[in-house]
Amino acid sequence: MPSVEQLRQELKDAKQEVRNLTVMGMRPDLSPEKREIIRQLERSARAEVMLRHKALDWQIDQDGKTC
C-alpha cells in the first residue's frame, strides 16, 4: 500500500499533467486532429486526478482508523 506522501505526490503530478495538456490545447497552430487528441488526453488526465484524489482520501481515512 502506498504511503500518504506518495499518493500526494502522484496527485500533484497528475494535476500538473492536466495543466500541461490544457496549455498545449491552447496553441493556435495545432491541427484539429491534434487538438482533439490533446482534448482526449486532458479528459483522461482529469479522470486520473479524480481517482488519485479518491485514493488519497481513502488512505488518509484508513490511516485514521488504525491510530
C-alpha atoms as a PDB file:
ATOM      1  CA  MET A   1       0.000   0.000   0.000  1.00  0.00           C
ATOM      2  CA  PRO A   2       1.481   3.373  -0.994  1.00  0.00           C
ATOM      3  CA  SER A   3       2.082   5.943   1.700  1.00  0.00           C
ATOM      4  CA  VAL A   4       0.050   9.126   2.011  1.00  0.00           C
ATOM      5  CA  GLU A   5       3.053  11.165   0.892  1.00  0.00           C
ATOM      6  CA  GLN A   6       3.493   9.016  -2.209  1.00  0.00           C
ATOM      7  CA  LEU A   7      -0.205   9.385  -3.048  1.00  0.00           C
ATOM      8  CA  ARG A   8       0.032  13.158  -2.565  1.00  0.00           C
ATOM      9  CA  GLN A   9       2.984  13.313  -4.960  1.00  0.00           C
ATOM     10  CA  GLU A  10       1.150  11.221  -7.561  1.00  0.00           C
ATOM     11  CA  LEU A  11      -1.887  13.515  -7.263  1.00  0.00           C
ATOM     12  CA  LYS A  12       0.327  16.568  -7.655  1.00  0.00           C
ATOM     13  CA  ASP A  13       1.946  15.055 -10.757  1.00  0.00           C
ATOM     14  CA  ALA A  14      -1.443  14.219 -12.285  1.00  0.00           C
ATOM     15  CA  LYS A  15      -2.662  17.788 -11.693  1.00  0.00           C
ATOM     16  CA  GLN A  16       0.465  19.115 -13.396  1.00  0.00           C
ATOM     17  CA  GLU A  17      -0.245  16.876 -16.379  1.00  0.00           C
ATOM     18  CA  VAL A  18      -3.743  18.381 -16.672  1.00  0.00           C
ATOM     19  CA  ARG A  19      -2.259  21.886 -16.608  1.00  0.00           C
ATOM     20  CA  ASN A  20       0.317  20.979 -19.258  1.00  0.00           C
ATOM     21  CA  LEU A  21      -2.296  19.481 -21.557  1.00  0.00           C
ATOM     22  CA  THR A  22      -4.584  22.482 -21.068  1.00  0.00           C
ATOM     23  CA  VAL A  23      -1.810  24.817 -22.168  1.00  0.00           C
ATOM     24  CA  MET A  24      -0.879  22.568 -25.086  1.00  0.00           C
ATOM     25  CA  GLY A  25      -4.502  22.598 -26.254  1.00  0.00           C
ATOM     26  CA  MET A  26      -4.447  26.404 -26.409  1.00  0.00           C
ATOM     27  CA  ARG A  27      -1.765  26.524 -29.079  1.00  0.00           C
ATOM     28  CA  PRO A  28      -3.234  28.175 -32.183  1.00  0.00           C
ATOM     29  CA  ASP A  29      -1.008  26.257 -34.606  1.00  0.00           C
ATOM     30  CA  LEU A  30      -2.498  22.829 -33.777  1.00  0.00           C
ATOM     31  CA  SER A  31      -4.376  20.890 -36.402  1.00  0.00           C
ATOM     32  CA  PRO A  32      -7.941  19.895 -35.500  1.00  0.00           C
ATOM     33  CA  GLU A  33      -6.843  16.257 -35.210  1.00  0.00           C
ATOM     34  CA  LYS A  34      -4.044  17.053 -32.755  1.00  0.00           C
ATOM     35  CA  ARG A  35      -6.328  19.380 -30.797  1.00  0.00           C
ATOM     36  CA  GLU A  36      -8.852  16.546 -30.430  1.00  0.00           C
ATOM     37  CA  ILE A  37      -6.157  14.115 -29.263  1.00  0.00           C
ATOM     38  CA  ILE A  38      -4.928  16.610 -26.669  1.00  0.00           C
ATOM     39  CA  ARG A  39      -8.518  17.190 -25.532  1.00  0.00           C
ATOM     40  CA  GLN A  40      -8.975  13.445 -25.034  1.00  0.00           C
ATOM     41  CA  LEU A  41      -5.677  13.196 -23.158  1.00  0.00           C
ATOM     42  CA  GLU A  42      -6.705  16.091 -20.934  1.00  0.00           C
ATOM     43  CA  ARG A  43     -10.020  14.405 -20.206  1.00  0.00           C
ATOM     44  CA  SER A  44      -8.211  11.206 -19.270  1.00  0.00           C
ATOM     45  CA  ALA A  45      -5.783  13.122 -17.048  1.00  0.00           C
ATOM     46  CA  ARG A  46      -8.710  14.799 -15.259  1.00  0.00           C
ATOM     47  CA  ALA A  47     -10.213  11.365 -14.592  1.00  0.00           C
ATOM     48  CA  GLU A  48      -6.848  10.250 -13.206  1.00  0.00           C
ATOM     49  CA  VAL A  49      -6.836  13.247 -10.851  1.00  0.00           C
ATOM     50  CA  MET A  50     -10.286  12.305  -9.555  1.00  0.00           C
ATOM     51  CA  LEU A  51      -9.218   8.699  -8.943  1.00  0.00           C
ATOM     52  CA  ARG A  52      -5.956   9.687  -7.285  1.00  0.00           C
ATOM     53  CA  HIS A  53      -7.850  12.109  -5.049  1.00  0.00           C
ATOM     54  CA  LYS A  54     -10.206   9.309  -4.000  1.00  0.00           C
ATOM     55  CA  ALA A  55      -7.254   7.011  -3.321  1.00  0.00           C
ATOM     56  CA  LEU A  56      -5.597   9.667  -1.168  1.00  0.00           C
ATOM     57  CA  ASP A  57      -8.804  10.343   0.770  1.00  0.00           C
ATOM     58  CA  TRP A  58      -9.298   6.611   1.331  1.00  0.00           C
ATOM     59  CA  GLN A  59      -5.731   6.121   2.531  1.00  0.00           C
ATOM     60  CA  ILE A  60      -5.993   9.063   4.927  1.00  0.00           C
ATOM     61  CA  ASP A  61      -9.259   7.613   6.256  1.00  0.00           C
ATOM     62  CA  GLN A  62      -7.645   4.184   6.701  1.00  0.00           C
ATOM     63  CA  ASP A  63      -4.664   5.681   8.497  1.00  0.00           C
ATOM     64  CA  GLY A  64      -7.027   7.493  10.852  1.00  0.00           C
ATOM     65  CA  LYS A  65      -8.867   4.278  11.678  1.00  0.00           C
ATOM     66  CA  THR A  66      -5.701   2.378  12.570  1.00  0.00           C
ATOM     67  CA  CYS A  67      -4.394   5.001  15.019  1.00  0.00           C
END
